[in-house]
């Protein structure tokens, strides 16, 4: 009889109590064993999609514009380092002549005339790639005889054989430097606009590390980019550095740990193309200086507009580096990577869907890019340890 009472009364009560206890403590148990994704960017958010799904391993993220490139459908840019991509060269020169006539700009005629020379076109192609890679090589200089044309591919998601493809790119390129340090570099640019869209450099046999606090990293990096946008605009406002440092330290602790983040991000957008602006690099001709100045101003304008239209900013750890993600109001993203060990920005990526048809004239329309407050920008960047080029001539 006692056994029947235990089975019919006490055992069900014990099981009910166990179930209730497990239910009460299960959230705590799960929170200890499951990863916490609060405030982290998702793969979908970074690549511009709308799904809120999160990934447990951020290293599997595909950063823009690589999510738009299909290697299996790409074409070889040039058969070797001395070959000219004939169709692409002809179409670019044709556009230069069209805009030269439309704007009545003799300097565009001069650029087009010189690019008709095959050897000159090859030199410009290689110099373009060098100018977007070198800022991310930790102060190292690319060997003068390094060639890139034979390593690149073209791809356009909208056409198999476009006259001017959307992308020219290369993956896993070993870049050798004067200092004897080698880097593995990926890069993408769009010849349709003349803009670099992605660069990332990893030093061979060198470790990288993310910043210890993603929130503090995000605050320092995003403030620097906002300041860059103000400096390059006429709508500038006074920046109180002491007040920023005080506010930063009140929220995150010692600012000194993140001062290199602030300075690196402030200087990064303006570092592209600077190698060739103040020197007549190719054939010692003035037309090349004019060309690099146009590319430089176009790039500054584009970064200025992207940062101005940012809607949100966040930071995560990605492949042993810190990754900053800016989301624009139209859903497009700009990403930048930072290495704590070398205290340097190691690359960036831009969603090309942010570009509009009007941006295709930025290289030609000096009236538009002249709206940048370049004199103020040069002075301000220089005061923060940057090394801006001499003022470009429009």
Protein backbone atom coordinates (compact mmCIF):
# COMPACT_ATOMS: atom_id res chain seq x y z
CA UNK A 1 0.00 0.00 0.00
CA UNK A 2 2.85 2.41 0.84
CA UNK A 3 4.43 1.65 -2.52
CA UNK A 4 1.21 2.52 -4.33
CA UNK A 5 0.96 5.85 -2.45
CA UNK A 6 4.54 6.74 -3.43
CA UNK A 7 3.96 5.92 -7.08
CA UNK A 8 0.62 7.64 -7.32
CA UNK A 9 1.27 10.76 -5.22
CA UNK A 10 4.90 11.55 -4.38
CA UNK A 11 6.55 10.54 -7.68
CA UNK A 12 4.31 12.82 -9.83
CA UNK A 13 4.86 15.69 -7.37
CA UNK A 14 8.65 15.16 -7.53
CA UNK A 15 8.63 15.13 -11.33
CA UNK A 16 6.54 18.33 -11.45
CA UNK A 17 8.95 20.07 -9.07
CA UNK A 18 11.95 18.98 -11.18
CA UNK A 19 10.37 20.26 -14.38
CA UNK A 20 9.50 23.63 -12.80
CA UNK A 21 13.04 23.99 -11.39
CA UNK A 22 14.62 23.21 -14.77
CA UNK A 23 12.31 25.70 -16.47
CA UNK A 24 13.20 28.42 -13.98
CA UNK A 25 16.97 28.04 -14.34
CA UNK A 26 17.16 27.14 -18.06
CA UNK A 27 17.54 30.75 -19.33
CA UNK A 28 20.60 31.18 -17.11
CA UNK A 29 22.05 27.86 -18.21
CA UNK A 30 21.50 28.60 -21.90
CA UNK A 31 22.98 32.10 -21.57
CA UNK A 32 26.20 30.57 -20.26
CA UNK A 33 26.65 28.06 -23.08
CA UNK A 34 25.20 29.97 -26.04
CA UNK A 35 27.04 32.90 -27.73
CA UNK A 36 25.68 36.40 -27.17
CA UNK A 37 24.94 38.29 -30.40
CA UNK A 38 23.45 41.42 -28.84
CA UNK A 39 24.33 44.56 -30.82
CA UNK A 40 26.41 42.61 -33.35
CA UNK A 41 26.07 43.16 -37.08
CA UNK A 42 24.70 40.19 -38.98
CA UNK A 43 26.05 38.83 -42.24
CA UNK A 44 22.87 39.98 -43.94
CA UNK A 45 23.13 43.48 -42.54
CA UNK A 46 26.74 43.86 -43.69
CA UNK A 47 26.03 42.69 -47.22
CA UNK A 48 22.93 44.82 -47.57
CA UNK A 49 20.17 42.20 -47.31
CA UNK A 50 17.22 42.50 -44.94
CA UNK A 51 17.29 39.16 -43.12
CA UNK A 52 18.17 39.53 -39.40
CA UNK A 53 19.93 36.15 -39.19
CA UNK A 54 23.14 36.09 -37.15
CA UNK A 55 26.21 33.95 -37.72
CA UNK A 56 28.00 32.21 -34.88
CA UNK A 57 31.32 32.54 -36.75
CA UNK A 58 31.87 36.07 -38.15
CA UNK A 59 34.85 34.83 -40.20
CA UNK A 60 32.37 33.33 -42.66
CA UNK A 61 31.02 36.78 -43.55
CA UNK A 62 31.47 37.81 -47.19
CA UNK A 63 32.19 41.53 -47.23
CA UNK A 64 31.02 43.78 -50.06
CA UNK A 65 31.68 43.94 -52.93
CA UNK A 66 32.84 40.29 -52.96
CA UNK A 67 29.26 39.13 -52.38
CA UNK A 68 28.50 40.50 -55.88
CA UNK A 69 31.45 38.85 -57.71
CA UNK A 70 31.31 35.41 -59.34
CA UNK A 71 34.80 34.06 -60.12
CA UNK A 72 33.41 31.36 -62.39
CA UNK A 73 32.09 34.00 -64.81
CA UNK A 74 35.05 36.39 -64.73
CA UNK A 75 37.34 37.28 -67.61
CA UNK A 76 41.11 37.78 -67.65
CA UNK A 77 41.98 41.50 -67.55
CA UNK A 78 45.18 41.10 -69.59
CA UNK A 79 47.06 38.03 -70.80
CA UNK A 80 50.23 39.17 -69.04
CA UNK A 81 51.78 42.19 -67.32
CA UNK A 82 52.58 43.85 -70.65
CA UNK A 83 49.25 43.30 -72.42
CA UNK A 84 46.59 45.94 -72.87
CA UNK A 85 42.89 44.99 -72.38
CA UNK A 86 41.98 46.37 -75.83
CA UNK A 87 38.20 46.73 -75.59
CA UNK A 88 38.30 48.27 -72.11
CA UNK A 89 41.09 50.66 -73.08
CA UNK A 90 39.25 51.80 -76.21
CA UNK A 91 35.98 52.38 -74.34
CA UNK A 92 37.62 54.37 -71.52
CA UNK A 93 39.46 56.57 -74.02
CA UNK A 94 36.23 57.08 -75.94
CA UNK A 95 34.49 58.26 -72.76
CA UNK A 96 37.35 60.64 -71.99
CA UNK A 97 37.00 62.27 -75.41
CA UNK A 98 33.20 62.52 -75.02
CA UNK A 99 33.45 64.27 -71.64
CA UNK A 100 36.39 66.40 -72.81
CA UNK A 101 34.17 67.76 -75.57
CA UNK A 102 31.13 68.06 -73.32
CA UNK A 103 32.96 69.97 -70.59
CA UNK A 104 35.34 71.77 -72.95
CA UNK A 105 38.21 70.47 -70.82
CA UNK A 106 41.62 70.37 -72.53
CA UNK A 107 43.16 68.38 -69.67
CA UNK A 108 40.79 65.48 -70.40
CA UNK A 109 41.87 65.56 -74.05
CA UNK A 110 45.49 65.32 -72.88
CA UNK A 111 44.78 62.36 -70.59
CA UNK A 112 42.95 60.53 -73.41
CA UNK A 113 45.70 61.22 -75.96
CA UNK A 114 48.37 59.78 -73.68
CA UNK A 115 46.34 56.69 -72.74
CA UNK A 116 46.12 55.68 -76.40
CA UNK A 117 49.79 54.68 -76.07
CA UNK A 118 49.82 51.02 -75.02
CA UNK A 119 52.86 51.21 -72.75
CA UNK A 120 51.52 54.31 -71.06
CA UNK A 121 48.15 52.65 -70.45
CA UNK A 122 49.87 49.66 -68.81
CA UNK A 123 51.93 51.94 -66.58
CA UNK A 124 48.81 53.84 -65.51
CA UNK A 125 46.95 50.59 -64.75
CA UNK A 126 49.77 49.36 -62.52
CA UNK A 127 50.20 52.76 -60.88
CA UNK A 128 46.48 52.92 -60.10
CA UNK A 129 46.63 49.59 -58.26
CA UNK A 130 49.81 50.58 -56.42
CA UNK A 131 48.20 53.83 -55.28
CA UNK A 132 45.22 52.09 -53.65
CA UNK A 133 47.26 49.26 -52.07
CA UNK A 134 50.26 51.07 -50.62
CA UNK A 135 48.40 52.97 -47.84
CA UNK A 136 47.56 49.62 -46.21
CA UNK A 137 51.05 48.09 -46.18
CA UNK A 138 52.05 49.40 -42.73
CA UNK A 139 54.33 52.08 -44.15
CA UNK A 140 56.14 49.74 -46.57
CA UNK A 141 56.79 50.66 -50.23
CA UNK A 142 55.93 48.35 -53.12
CA UNK A 143 58.91 47.25 -55.24
CA UNK A 144 59.18 49.51 -58.32
CA UNK A 145 59.09 46.58 -60.76
CA UNK A 146 55.90 45.05 -59.30
CA UNK A 147 53.27 44.50 -62.03
CA UNK A 148 49.54 43.82 -61.59
CA UNK A 149 47.85 43.78 -65.01
CA UNK A 150 48.45 40.06 -65.62
CA UNK A 151 46.99 39.15 -62.21
CA UNK A 152 43.62 40.86 -62.54
CA UNK A 153 40.17 39.69 -63.69
CA UNK A 154 37.03 41.52 -64.77
CA UNK A 155 33.42 40.75 -63.90
CA UNK A 156 30.05 42.35 -64.44
CA UNK A 157 26.90 40.82 -62.88
CA UNK A 158 24.70 42.41 -65.53
CA UNK A 159 26.56 41.37 -68.67
CA UNK A 160 28.95 38.59 -69.61
CA UNK A 161 30.99 40.74 -71.99
CA UNK A 162 30.46 44.42 -71.09
CA UNK A 163 32.52 47.12 -72.78
CA UNK A 164 33.37 48.58 -69.37
CA UNK A 165 32.86 45.91 -66.66
CA UNK A 166 31.62 46.79 -63.21
CA UNK A 167 34.62 45.22 -61.45
CA UNK A 168 38.34 44.71 -61.96
CA UNK A 169 39.80 42.63 -59.15
CA UNK A 170 42.49 40.25 -57.91
CA UNK A 171 42.69 37.84 -54.99
CA UNK A 172 45.64 36.60 -52.95
CA UNK A 173 48.28 38.69 -54.70
CA UNK A 174 51.72 38.50 -53.07
CA UNK A 175 53.04 42.06 -52.91
CA UNK A 176 56.77 42.44 -52.26
CA UNK A 177 58.13 45.61 -50.70
CA UNK A 178 61.39 47.55 -50.62
CA UNK A 179 61.61 46.81 -46.89
CA UNK A 180 61.61 43.05 -47.57
CA UNK A 181 58.20 42.40 -46.01
CA UNK A 182 55.62 40.52 -48.08
CA UNK A 183 51.85 41.04 -48.01
CA UNK A 184 48.88 39.07 -49.33
CA UNK A 185 46.49 41.57 -50.91
CA UNK A 186 42.96 41.45 -52.30
CA UNK A 187 41.57 44.44 -54.18
CA UNK A 188 38.59 45.54 -56.27
CA UNK A 189 37.96 48.72 -58.24
CA UNK A 190 35.28 49.80 -60.69
CA UNK A 191 36.43 51.22 -64.03
CA UNK A 192 32.87 52.44 -64.60
CA UNK A 193 33.44 55.09 -61.93
CA UNK A 194 37.21 55.02 -61.43
CA UNK A 195 36.75 54.30 -57.71
CA UNK A 196 38.48 51.71 -55.49
CA UNK A 197 35.90 49.51 -53.77
CA UNK A 198 37.95 47.09 -51.69
CA UNK A 199 41.49 46.62 -50.42
CA UNK A 200 42.77 44.31 -47.72
CA UNK A 201 46.41 43.57 -46.95
CA UNK A 202 47.73 40.85 -44.61
CA UNK A 203 51.43 40.75 -43.83
CA UNK A 204 52.94 37.30 -44.38
CA UNK A 205 54.05 35.57 -41.16
CA UNK A 206 52.73 38.40 -38.99
CA UNK A 207 50.01 38.12 -36.34
CA UNK A 208 47.01 40.41 -36.10
CA UNK A 209 44.69 41.14 -33.20
CA UNK A 210 41.37 42.86 -32.64
CA UNK A 211 40.90 45.72 -30.18
CA UNK A 212 39.93 44.53 -26.69
CA UNK A 213 36.67 46.53 -26.53
CA UNK A 214 34.44 46.69 -29.61
CA UNK A 215 32.32 49.52 -28.21
CA UNK A 216 35.34 51.74 -27.51
CA UNK A 217 36.83 50.85 -30.91
CA UNK A 218 33.56 51.81 -32.60
CA UNK A 219 33.36 55.12 -30.74
CA UNK A 220 36.92 56.16 -31.64
CA UNK A 221 36.75 55.01 -35.28
CA UNK A 222 33.29 56.40 -36.05
CA UNK A 223 34.12 59.78 -34.46
CA UNK A 224 37.25 59.98 -36.63
CA UNK A 225 35.26 59.29 -39.81
CA UNK A 226 32.63 61.86 -38.87
CA UNK A 227 35.42 64.36 -38.32
CA UNK A 228 36.91 63.48 -41.72
CA UNK A 229 33.53 64.20 -43.28
CA UNK A 230 33.32 67.58 -41.53
CA UNK A 231 36.87 68.55 -42.46
CA UNK A 232 36.23 67.84 -46.16
CA UNK A 233 32.95 69.77 -46.21
CA UNK A 234 32.20 73.46 -46.10
CA UNK A 235 29.69 72.83 -43.33
CA UNK A 236 32.52 72.37 -40.80
CA UNK A 237 32.03 72.81 -37.09
CA UNK A 238 34.52 73.21 -34.28
CA UNK A 239 35.80 69.93 -32.84
CA UNK A 240 36.77 70.02 -29.18
CA UNK A 241 39.38 67.28 -28.91
CA UNK A 242 39.79 67.67 -25.15
CA UNK A 243 36.05 67.33 -24.59
CA UNK A 244 35.95 64.23 -26.80
CA UNK A 245 38.82 62.59 -24.91
CA UNK A 246 37.21 63.41 -21.56
CA UNK A 247 33.87 61.99 -22.66
CA UNK A 248 35.57 58.89 -24.10
CA UNK A 249 37.48 58.19 -20.90
CA UNK A 250 34.39 58.64 -18.76
CA UNK A 251 32.62 55.93 -20.76
CA UNK A 252 35.40 53.55 -21.85
CA UNK A 253 38.53 54.23 -19.79
CA UNK A 254 42.00 55.28 -20.99
CA UNK A 255 41.83 57.02 -24.36
CA UNK A 256 45.54 56.44 -25.08
CA UNK A 257 44.83 52.83 -26.05
CA UNK A 258 42.46 54.04 -28.80
CA UNK A 259 44.22 57.21 -29.97
CA UNK A 260 45.91 55.25 -32.78
CA UNK A 261 42.48 54.03 -33.91
CA UNK A 262 41.22 57.60 -34.05
CA UNK A 263 44.21 58.89 -36.04
CA UNK A 264 44.36 55.90 -38.40
CA UNK A 265 40.68 56.16 -39.35
CA UNK A 266 40.87 59.94 -39.71
CA UNK A 267 43.72 59.61 -42.23
CA UNK A 268 42.68 56.46 -44.11
CA UNK A 269 40.14 57.85 -46.65
CA UNK A 270 42.52 60.57 -47.79
CA UNK A 271 45.52 58.25 -48.19
CA UNK A 272 44.39 56.78 -51.51
CA UNK A 273 46.15 58.14 -54.63
CA UNK A 274 48.36 60.49 -52.61
CA UNK A 275 51.60 58.81 -53.72
CA UNK A 276 51.29 60.23 -57.24
CA UNK A 277 49.65 63.62 -56.73
CA UNK A 278 52.64 65.73 -55.73
CA UNK A 279 55.06 64.12 -58.16
CA UNK A 280 54.88 63.80 -61.94
CA UNK A 281 55.30 60.06 -61.74
CA UNK A 282 54.72 58.63 -65.21
CA UNK A 283 56.90 59.92 -68.04
CA UNK A 284 57.43 63.03 -65.87
CA UNK A 285 54.32 64.61 -67.42
CA UNK A 286 51.90 67.13 -65.94
CA UNK A 287 48.88 65.26 -67.29
CA UNK A 288 49.50 62.40 -64.83
CA UNK A 289 49.47 64.76 -61.86
CA UNK A 290 46.15 66.11 -63.08
CA UNK A 291 44.77 62.58 -63.44
CA UNK A 292 45.75 61.50 -59.90
CA UNK A 293 44.34 64.74 -58.49
CA UNK A 294 40.99 64.04 -60.15
CA UNK A 295 40.96 60.47 -58.80
CA UNK A 296 41.89 61.71 -55.34
CA UNK A 297 39.13 64.33 -55.23
CA UNK A 298 36.59 61.86 -56.61
CA UNK A 299 37.47 59.36 -53.89
CA UNK A 300 37.30 62.00 -51.12
CA UNK A 301 33.90 63.13 -52.41
CA UNK A 302 32.54 59.57 -52.41
CA UNK A 303 33.71 58.79 -48.86
CA UNK A 304 32.37 62.15 -47.72
CA UNK A 305 28.91 61.35 -49.07
CA UNK A 306 28.84 57.81 -47.69
CA UNK A 307 29.77 58.94 -44.17
CA UNK A 308 27.34 61.86 -44.35
CA UNK A 309 24.52 59.40 -45.16
CA UNK A 310 25.39 56.84 -42.47
CA UNK A 311 22.49 55.53 -40.42
CA UNK A 312 24.25 53.23 -37.99
CA UNK A 313 27.77 52.23 -36.95
CA UNK A 314 28.94 49.07 -35.21
CA UNK A 315 32.12 47.11 -34.58
CA UNK A 316 32.84 43.38 -34.34
CA UNK A 317 35.86 41.07 -34.23
CA UNK A 318 36.52 39.60 -37.66
CA UNK A 319 39.42 37.29 -38.63
CA UNK A 320 41.57 38.49 -35.71
CA UNK A 321 41.03 42.14 -36.61
CA UNK A 322 38.48 44.78 -35.63
CA UNK A 323 35.82 45.41 -38.27
CA UNK A 324 33.89 48.69 -38.40
CA UNK A 325 30.59 48.62 -40.29
CA UNK A 326 28.81 51.80 -41.43
CA UNK A 327 25.27 51.37 -42.74
CA UNK A 328 23.94 54.10 -45.03
CA UNK A 329 20.31 55.19 -45.12
CA UNK A 330 19.78 53.18 -48.33
CA UNK A 331 20.98 49.95 -46.66
CA UNK A 332 24.45 49.88 -48.24
CA UNK A 333 27.51 49.35 -46.07
CA UNK A 334 31.10 50.53 -45.79
CA UNK A 335 33.52 48.32 -43.86
CA UNK A 336 37.02 49.02 -42.52
CA UNK A 337 39.44 46.64 -40.78
CA UNK A 338 41.98 47.53 -38.09
CA UNK A 339 44.90 45.62 -36.57
CA UNK A 340 45.66 46.31 -32.91
CA UNK A 341 49.25 44.98 -33.13
CA UNK A 342 50.43 47.20 -36.00
CA UNK A 343 48.02 49.99 -35.01
CA UNK A 344 46.92 50.46 -38.60
CA UNK A 345 43.90 50.27 -40.88
CA UNK A 346 44.45 47.17 -43.03
CA UNK A 347 41.68 47.68 -45.57
CA UNK A 348 38.17 48.74 -46.48
CA UNK A 349 35.18 47.60 -48.50
CA UNK A 350 32.36 49.59 -50.10
CA UNK A 351 28.99 48.35 -51.30
CA UNK A 352 28.92 49.50 -54.95
CA UNK A 353 25.14 49.79 -54.86
CA UNK A 354 25.62 53.07 -53.02
CA UNK A 355 26.89 54.54 -56.29
CA UNK A 356 24.41 56.36 -58.51
CA UNK A 357 24.54 57.06 -62.22
CA UNK A 358 25.52 60.64 -61.40
CA UNK A 359 28.68 59.43 -59.64
CA UNK A 360 30.06 58.20 -62.97
CA UNK A 361 30.87 61.82 -63.88
CA UNK A 362 32.81 62.63 -60.69
CA UNK A 363 36.16 62.13 -62.43
CA UNK A 364 35.19 64.56 -65.18
CA UNK A 365 33.10 67.12 -63.29
CA UNK A 366 35.61 69.28 -61.42
CA UNK A 367 32.85 71.76 -60.55
CA UNK A 368 31.26 69.12 -58.33
CA UNK A 369 34.41 67.93 -56.56
CA UNK A 370 35.54 71.54 -56.09
CA UNK A 371 32.72 71.83 -53.54
CA UNK A 372 35.03 69.99 -51.16
CA UNK A 373 36.69 72.28 -48.64
CA UNK A 374 40.09 70.90 -49.57
CA UNK A 375 42.19 73.66 -48.03
CA UNK A 376 40.52 73.23 -44.64
CA UNK A 377 40.72 69.44 -44.97
CA UNK A 378 44.47 69.52 -45.67
CA UNK A 379 45.15 71.81 -42.72
CA UNK A 380 43.04 69.81 -40.28
CA UNK A 381 44.34 66.38 -41.32
CA UNK A 382 47.90 67.66 -41.08
CA UNK A 383 47.24 68.84 -37.52
CA UNK A 384 46.28 65.25 -36.58
CA UNK A 385 49.48 63.72 -37.88
CA UNK A 386 48.34 63.12 -41.45
CA UNK A 387 50.37 63.85 -44.54
CA UNK A 388 48.00 65.31 -47.12
CA UNK A 389 49.24 66.00 -50.65
CA UNK A 390 49.68 69.41 -52.11
CA UNK A 391 46.37 70.99 -53.09
CA UNK A 392 45.10 69.34 -56.31
CA UNK A 393 44.57 71.59 -59.28
CA UNK A 394 41.07 71.49 -60.75
